[in-house]
Amino acid sequence: MRTPKLFERDTLPQSIENVLKIHRPTELTSPLVVDSPHSGEIYPADFRPCVPASRYKCAEDRYVHELFEKAAETGGVYLEALFPRIYIDPNRRADNIDPAVIKGWTREAKPDFRSDLAKASSGQKRLPAVALFTTES
């Protein structure tokens, strides 16, 4: 069976340095696409933490990439986010944030239950709420 042109290797998007790594099979033989949007560990230069790394790095979904990186060997595609969830959460609206965790936050915020989940994953439920990083220079 011929692979539809849409899925031919030269038409697939490319990886984006320090943002996204796309693991592709030698031959696309499966409709399987897996992603790991929360396991990135490349912190950009403008990330300015207010707490020690041990405090904010616990928000990473560490080692998830090890579970999914074999997808390409099975004929599927694996999308690996390289940036950390604490910097950008691609599964969330831009205004879905608790301003208490970002020192200097001035934009409108509309936190919901996911904001509480993020605080729990970063230790905010176990310790007093503090800013994890800052927008200030």
N, C-alpha and C. Protein backbone atom coordinates (compact mmCIF):
# COMPACT_ATOMS: atom_id res chain seq x y z
N MET A 1 0.86 -1.18 0.00
CA MET A 1 0.00 0.00 0.00
C MET A 1 0.90 1.24 0.00
N ARG A 2 0.58 2.21 -0.83
CA ARG A 2 1.35 3.45 -0.94
C ARG A 2 0.97 4.41 0.17
N THR A 3 1.99 5.04 0.79
CA THR A 3 1.76 6.04 1.83
C THR A 3 1.23 7.31 1.19
N PRO A 4 0.14 7.88 1.71
CA PRO A 4 -0.38 9.13 1.15
C PRO A 4 0.69 10.22 1.19
N LYS A 5 0.70 11.12 0.19
CA LYS A 5 1.71 12.17 0.08
C LYS A 5 1.80 13.00 1.35
N LEU A 6 0.67 13.25 2.01
CA LEU A 6 0.66 14.03 3.23
C LEU A 6 1.64 13.48 4.26
N PHE A 7 1.86 12.16 4.26
CA PHE A 7 2.71 11.55 5.28
C PHE A 7 4.10 11.18 4.78
N GLU A 8 4.44 11.56 3.57
CA GLU A 8 5.77 11.27 3.08
C GLU A 8 6.79 12.07 3.88
N ARG A 9 7.96 11.49 4.09
CA ARG A 9 8.98 12.06 4.95
C ARG A 9 9.32 13.52 4.63
N ASP A 10 9.42 13.88 3.37
CA ASP A 10 9.82 15.24 3.03
C ASP A 10 8.72 16.28 3.26
N THR A 11 7.49 15.85 3.54
CA THR A 11 6.41 16.81 3.80
C THR A 11 6.16 16.99 5.29
N LEU A 12 6.81 16.19 6.14
CA LEU A 12 6.62 16.31 7.58
C LEU A 12 7.36 17.53 8.11
N PRO A 13 6.83 18.18 9.14
CA PRO A 13 7.52 19.35 9.70
C PRO A 13 8.89 18.96 10.26
N GLN A 14 9.77 19.94 10.34
CA GLN A 14 11.11 19.72 10.86
C GLN A 14 11.15 20.03 12.36
N SER A 15 12.18 19.56 13.02
CA SER A 15 12.40 19.90 14.42
C SER A 15 12.75 21.37 14.53
N ILE A 16 12.50 21.95 15.72
CA ILE A 16 12.81 23.35 15.98
C ILE A 16 13.80 23.38 17.14
N GLU A 17 14.99 23.92 16.90
CA GLU A 17 16.06 23.90 17.89
C GLU A 17 15.60 24.48 19.23
N ASN A 18 15.88 23.76 20.31
CA ASN A 18 15.56 24.13 21.70
C ASN A 18 14.06 24.25 21.99
N VAL A 19 13.22 23.85 21.04
CA VAL A 19 11.78 23.94 21.23
C VAL A 19 11.12 22.57 21.07
N LEU A 20 11.36 21.93 19.94
CA LEU A 20 10.67 20.69 19.60
C LEU A 20 11.60 19.76 18.83
N LYS A 21 11.61 18.50 19.24
CA LYS A 21 12.36 17.49 18.49
C LYS A 21 11.35 16.47 17.98
N ILE A 22 11.40 16.23 16.68
CA ILE A 22 10.48 15.27 16.07
C ILE A 22 11.26 14.01 15.74
N HIS A 23 10.88 12.93 16.39
CA HIS A 23 11.52 11.63 16.16
C HIS A 23 10.68 10.91 15.10
N ARG A 24 11.28 10.65 13.95
CA ARG A 24 10.56 10.03 12.83
C ARG A 24 11.12 8.64 12.56
N PRO A 25 10.28 7.76 12.09
CA PRO A 25 10.76 6.45 11.68
C PRO A 25 11.46 6.53 10.33
N THR A 26 12.24 5.53 10.00
CA THR A 26 12.84 5.44 8.68
C THR A 26 11.73 5.37 7.64
N GLU A 27 10.71 4.60 7.96
CA GLU A 27 9.53 4.50 7.09
C GLU A 27 8.29 4.62 7.97
N LEU A 28 7.42 5.53 7.61
CA LEU A 28 6.19 5.74 8.36
C LEU A 28 5.22 4.62 8.04
N THR A 29 5.04 3.71 8.99
CA THR A 29 4.18 2.55 8.76
C THR A 29 3.02 2.47 9.73
N SER A 30 2.92 3.45 10.61
CA SER A 30 1.89 3.42 11.64
C SER A 30 1.26 4.80 11.78
N PRO A 31 -0.03 4.87 12.12
CA PRO A 31 -0.66 6.16 12.36
C PRO A 31 -0.35 6.70 13.76
N LEU A 32 0.50 5.99 14.51
CA LEU A 32 0.81 6.36 15.88
C LEU A 32 1.60 7.67 15.95
N VAL A 33 1.07 8.63 16.73
CA VAL A 33 1.78 9.87 17.05
C VAL A 33 1.67 10.05 18.55
N VAL A 34 2.82 10.12 19.23
CA VAL A 34 2.82 10.36 20.67
C VAL A 34 3.57 11.66 20.93
N ASP A 35 3.21 12.32 22.03
CA ASP A 35 3.91 13.54 22.38
C ASP A 35 4.17 13.61 23.87
N SER A 36 5.17 14.37 24.22
CA SER A 36 5.53 14.62 25.61
C SER A 36 5.69 16.12 25.77
N PRO A 37 4.59 16.84 26.05
CA PRO A 37 4.64 18.30 26.09
C PRO A 37 5.20 18.88 27.38
N HIS A 38 5.46 18.04 28.38
CA HIS A 38 5.86 18.56 29.70
C HIS A 38 7.20 18.07 30.20
N SER A 39 8.00 17.44 29.37
CA SER A 39 9.23 16.86 29.90
C SER A 39 10.50 17.59 29.46
N GLY A 40 10.36 18.76 28.87
CA GLY A 40 11.52 19.52 28.42
C GLY A 40 12.37 20.02 29.57
N GLU A 41 13.66 20.12 29.31
CA GLU A 41 14.60 20.57 30.34
C GLU A 41 15.52 21.68 29.86
N ILE A 42 15.22 22.28 28.71
CA ILE A 42 16.05 23.37 28.19
C ILE A 42 15.40 24.69 28.62
N TYR A 43 16.01 25.34 29.61
CA TYR A 43 15.48 26.60 30.13
C TYR A 43 16.05 27.75 29.30
N PRO A 44 15.19 28.60 28.74
CA PRO A 44 15.68 29.70 27.91
C PRO A 44 16.43 30.76 28.73
N ALA A 45 17.21 31.56 28.05
CA ALA A 45 18.04 32.57 28.71
C ALA A 45 17.21 33.57 29.51
N ASP A 46 15.97 33.83 29.09
CA ASP A 46 15.17 34.82 29.83
C ASP A 46 14.37 34.21 30.99
N PHE A 47 14.61 32.96 31.31
CA PHE A 47 13.97 32.34 32.49
C PHE A 47 14.77 32.77 33.72
N ARG A 48 14.11 33.51 34.61
CA ARG A 48 14.79 34.02 35.80
C ARG A 48 14.10 33.48 37.05
N PRO A 49 14.61 32.37 37.59
CA PRO A 49 13.97 31.77 38.77
C PRO A 49 14.19 32.59 40.03
N CYS A 50 13.22 32.50 40.94
CA CYS A 50 13.29 33.17 42.24
C CYS A 50 13.59 32.15 43.34
N VAL A 51 13.64 30.90 42.97
CA VAL A 51 13.85 29.82 43.94
C VAL A 51 14.92 28.88 43.39
N PRO A 52 15.48 28.02 44.23
CA PRO A 52 16.48 27.07 43.74
C PRO A 52 15.90 26.12 42.69
N ALA A 53 16.76 25.62 41.82
CA ALA A 53 16.34 24.70 40.75
C ALA A 53 15.57 23.50 41.29
N SER A 54 15.94 23.02 42.46
CA SER A 54 15.25 21.85 43.02
C SER A 54 13.77 22.13 43.24
N ARG A 55 13.41 23.39 43.41
CA ARG A 55 12.02 23.76 43.65
C ARG A 55 11.21 23.79 42.36
N TYR A 56 11.75 24.34 41.27
CA TYR A 56 10.95 24.43 40.05
C TYR A 56 11.13 23.25 39.12
N LYS A 57 12.23 22.54 39.23
CA LYS A 57 12.45 21.40 38.33
C LYS A 57 11.53 20.22 38.65
N CYS A 58 10.93 20.21 39.83
CA CYS A 58 10.01 19.12 40.16
C CYS A 58 8.72 19.21 39.35
N ALA A 59 8.50 20.32 38.63
CA ALA A 59 7.33 20.44 37.75
C ALA A 59 7.54 19.71 36.42
N GLU A 60 8.78 19.31 36.13
CA GLU A 60 9.06 18.59 34.89
C GLU A 60 8.52 17.16 34.97
N ASP A 61 8.04 16.66 33.85
CA ASP A 61 7.67 15.24 33.78
C ASP A 61 8.94 14.49 33.34
N ARG A 62 9.81 14.27 34.29
CA ARG A 62 11.11 13.69 33.98
C ARG A 62 10.96 12.24 33.52
N TYR A 63 11.78 11.88 32.58
CA TYR A 63 11.92 10.52 32.05
C TYR A 63 10.77 10.06 31.16
N VAL A 64 9.74 10.88 30.97
CA VAL A 64 8.65 10.49 30.08
C VAL A 64 9.19 10.27 28.67
N HIS A 65 10.15 11.09 28.27
CA HIS A 65 10.73 10.95 26.93
C HIS A 65 11.34 9.56 26.73
N GLU A 66 11.82 8.96 27.79
CA GLU A 66 12.39 7.62 27.67
C GLU A 66 11.32 6.57 27.36
N LEU A 67 10.10 6.83 27.81
CA LEU A 67 9.00 5.91 27.51
C LEU A 67 8.58 5.99 26.05
N PHE A 68 8.65 7.19 25.47
CA PHE A 68 8.11 7.43 24.14
C PHE A 68 9.14 7.41 23.01
N GLU A 69 10.42 7.52 23.31
CA GLU A 69 11.40 7.68 22.24
C GLU A 69 11.51 6.48 21.32
N LYS A 70 10.97 5.36 21.70
CA LYS A 70 10.99 4.16 20.85
C LYS A 70 9.85 4.14 19.83
N ALA A 71 8.96 5.13 19.89
CA ALA A 71 7.81 5.16 18.98
C ALA A 71 8.26 5.12 17.52
N ALA A 72 9.34 5.84 17.20
CA ALA A 72 9.81 5.86 15.81
C ALA A 72 10.28 4.49 15.35
N GLU A 73 10.76 3.67 16.26
CA GLU A 73 11.20 2.32 15.90
C GLU A 73 10.02 1.42 15.54
N THR A 74 8.82 1.83 15.95
CA THR A 74 7.62 1.04 15.64
C THR A 74 6.88 1.58 14.43
N GLY A 75 7.46 2.60 13.77
CA GLY A 75 6.83 3.15 12.57
C GLY A 75 6.00 4.38 12.83
N GLY A 76 5.95 4.85 14.08
CA GLY A 76 5.18 6.04 14.43
C GLY A 76 6.07 7.26 14.59
N VAL A 77 5.49 8.33 15.08
CA VAL A 77 6.18 9.60 15.26
C VAL A 77 6.07 10.02 16.72
N TYR A 78 7.16 10.58 17.23
CA TYR A 78 7.18 11.07 18.61
C TYR A 78 7.56 12.55 18.60
N LEU A 79 6.72 13.39 19.20
CA LEU A 79 6.96 14.83 19.32
C LEU A 79 7.44 15.11 20.74
N GLU A 80 8.67 15.60 20.86
CA GLU A 80 9.27 15.83 22.18
C GLU A 80 9.47 17.34 22.40
N ALA A 81 8.73 17.90 23.36
CA ALA A 81 8.93 19.30 23.73
C ALA A 81 10.26 19.40 24.46
N LEU A 82 11.07 20.38 24.11
CA LEU A 82 12.38 20.56 24.74
C LEU A 82 12.36 21.65 25.80
N PHE A 83 11.33 22.51 25.80
CA PHE A 83 11.20 23.58 26.79
C PHE A 83 10.45 23.05 28.00
N PRO A 84 10.68 23.60 29.18
CA PRO A 84 10.00 23.10 30.38
C PRO A 84 8.57 23.62 30.51
N ARG A 85 7.74 22.81 31.13
CA ARG A 85 6.34 23.18 31.35
C ARG A 85 6.21 24.43 32.20
N ILE A 86 7.12 24.65 33.13
CA ILE A 86 7.02 25.82 33.99
C ILE A 86 7.23 27.10 33.20
N TYR A 87 7.90 27.01 32.05
CA TYR A 87 8.12 28.19 31.20
C TYR A 87 6.94 28.39 30.25
N ILE A 88 6.56 27.34 29.55
CA ILE A 88 5.38 27.35 28.66
C ILE A 88 4.67 26.02 28.82
N ASP A 89 3.38 26.07 29.12
CA ASP A 89 2.58 24.86 29.15
C ASP A 89 1.71 24.87 27.90
N PRO A 90 2.06 24.06 26.89
CA PRO A 90 1.31 24.10 25.63
C PRO A 90 -0.11 23.58 25.74
N ASN A 91 -0.48 23.01 26.87
CA ASN A 91 -1.83 22.49 27.05
C ASN A 91 -2.73 23.48 27.79
N ARG A 92 -2.31 24.72 27.87
CA ARG A 92 -3.02 25.69 28.69
C ARG A 92 -3.17 27.03 27.96
N ARG A 93 -4.27 27.73 28.24
CA ARG A 93 -4.44 29.08 27.72
C ARG A 93 -3.39 30.00 28.34
N ALA A 94 -3.03 31.06 27.64
CA ALA A 94 -2.01 31.99 28.13
C ALA A 94 -2.43 32.69 29.43
N ASP A 95 -3.74 32.90 29.64
CA ASP A 95 -4.19 33.58 30.85
C ASP A 95 -4.55 32.62 31.99
N ASN A 96 -4.38 31.33 31.78
CA ASN A 96 -4.68 30.34 32.82
C ASN A 96 -3.44 30.18 33.69
N ILE A 97 -3.26 31.13 34.59
CA ILE A 97 -2.06 31.15 35.42
C ILE A 97 -2.39 31.79 36.75
N ASP A 98 -1.71 31.35 37.79
CA ASP A 98 -1.84 31.97 39.10
C ASP A 98 -0.77 33.04 39.20
N PRO A 99 -1.14 34.31 39.24
CA PRO A 99 -0.15 35.39 39.28
C PRO A 99 0.80 35.29 40.48
N ALA A 100 0.41 34.57 41.52
CA ALA A 100 1.26 34.45 42.71
C ALA A 100 2.57 33.71 42.42
N VAL A 101 2.61 32.91 41.36
CA VAL A 101 3.83 32.14 41.09
C VAL A 101 4.79 32.86 40.17
N ILE A 102 4.40 34.05 39.66
CA ILE A 102 5.29 34.82 38.79
C ILE A 102 5.42 36.24 39.32
N LYS A 103 6.57 36.54 39.85
CA LYS A 103 6.83 37.87 40.39
C LYS A 103 6.79 38.89 39.24
N GLY A 104 5.99 39.93 39.40
CA GLY A 104 5.91 40.97 38.39
C GLY A 104 4.84 40.73 37.33
N TRP A 105 3.99 39.70 37.50
CA TRP A 105 2.94 39.42 36.51
C TRP A 105 1.95 40.57 36.51
N THR A 106 1.69 41.17 35.33
CA THR A 106 0.78 42.32 35.25
C THR A 106 -0.39 42.09 34.32
N ARG A 107 -0.35 41.03 33.53
CA ARG A 107 -1.45 40.77 32.59
C ARG A 107 -2.63 40.13 33.31
N GLU A 108 -3.79 40.18 32.65
CA GLU A 108 -4.99 39.56 33.20
C GLU A 108 -4.76 38.07 33.37
N ALA A 109 -5.28 37.52 34.44
CA ALA A 109 -5.15 36.08 34.70
C ALA A 109 -6.52 35.50 35.00
N LYS A 110 -6.75 34.30 34.47
CA LYS A 110 -8.00 33.58 34.72
C LYS A 110 -7.64 32.16 35.14
N PRO A 111 -7.13 32.01 36.36
CA PRO A 111 -6.74 30.66 36.81
C PRO A 111 -7.96 29.76 36.98
N ASP A 112 -7.77 28.47 36.76
CA ASP A 112 -8.81 27.49 37.02
C ASP A 112 -8.18 26.30 37.74
N PHE A 113 -8.85 25.16 37.77
CA PHE A 113 -8.36 24.02 38.54
C PHE A 113 -6.97 23.58 38.08
N ARG A 114 -6.60 23.79 36.81
CA ARG A 114 -5.28 23.40 36.33
C ARG A 114 -4.19 24.24 36.98
N SER A 115 -4.51 25.46 37.36
CA SER A 115 -3.54 26.30 38.07
C SER A 115 -3.20 25.66 39.41
N ASP A 116 -4.20 25.11 40.08
CA ASP A 116 -3.94 24.42 41.35
C ASP A 116 -3.12 23.16 41.12
N LEU A 117 -3.38 22.44 40.02
CA LEU A 117 -2.60 21.25 39.72
C LEU A 117 -1.14 21.61 39.49
N ALA A 118 -0.91 22.72 38.80
CA ALA A 118 0.47 23.15 38.54
C ALA A 118 1.16 23.51 39.83
N LYS A 119 0.44 24.17 40.75
CA LYS A 119 1.05 24.51 42.03
C LYS A 119 1.40 23.25 42.80
N ALA A 120 0.53 22.25 42.75
CA ALA A 120 0.80 21.01 43.46
C ALA A 120 2.02 20.31 42.89
N SER A 121 2.14 20.28 41.56
CA SER A 121 3.27 19.58 40.95
C SER A 121 4.59 20.31 41.19
N SER A 122 4.53 21.61 41.48
CA SER A 122 5.77 22.35 41.72
C SER A 122 6.03 22.57 43.21
N GLY A 123 5.27 21.90 44.06
CA GLY A 123 5.52 21.99 45.49
C GLY A 123 4.76 23.08 46.20
N GLN A 124 3.92 23.82 45.50
CA GLN A 124 3.22 24.95 46.12
C GLN A 124 2.23 24.50 47.19
N LYS A 125 1.71 23.30 47.10
CA LYS A 125 0.75 22.85 48.11
C LYS A 125 1.46 22.43 49.40
N ARG A 126 2.72 22.06 49.30
CA ARG A 126 3.45 21.62 50.48
C ARG A 126 4.16 22.76 51.19
N LEU A 127 4.40 23.84 50.49
CA LEU A 127 5.12 24.98 51.04
C LEU A 127 4.28 26.23 50.83
N PRO A 128 4.56 27.29 51.57
CA PRO A 128 3.82 28.54 51.34
C PRO A 128 3.98 29.00 49.90
N ALA A 129 2.92 29.58 49.34
CA ALA A 129 2.98 30.05 47.94
C ALA A 129 4.03 31.15 47.82
N VAL A 130 4.94 30.95 46.89
CA VAL A 130 5.97 31.95 46.60
C VAL A 130 6.13 32.04 45.10
N ALA A 131 6.66 33.14 44.63
CA ALA A 131 6.94 33.28 43.20
C ALA A 131 8.05 32.30 42.83
N LEU A 132 7.86 31.58 41.74
CA LEU A 132 8.86 30.62 41.27
C LEU A 132 9.84 31.27 40.31
N PHE A 133 9.35 32.23 39.51
CA PHE A 133 10.24 32.97 38.62
C PHE A 133 9.68 34.37 38.42
N THR A 134 10.45 35.22 37.76
CA THR A 134 10.09 36.62 37.65
C THR A 134 10.08 37.09 36.21
N THR A 135 9.28 38.09 35.93
CA THR A 135 9.28 38.74 34.62
C THR A 135 10.21 39.94 34.63
N GLU A 136 10.71 40.29 35.79
CA GLU A 136 11.55 41.47 35.94
C GLU A 136 12.99 41.17 35.54
N SER A 137 13.68 42.18 35.02
CA SER A 137 15.09 42.01 34.63
C SER A 137 16.01 42.12 35.81
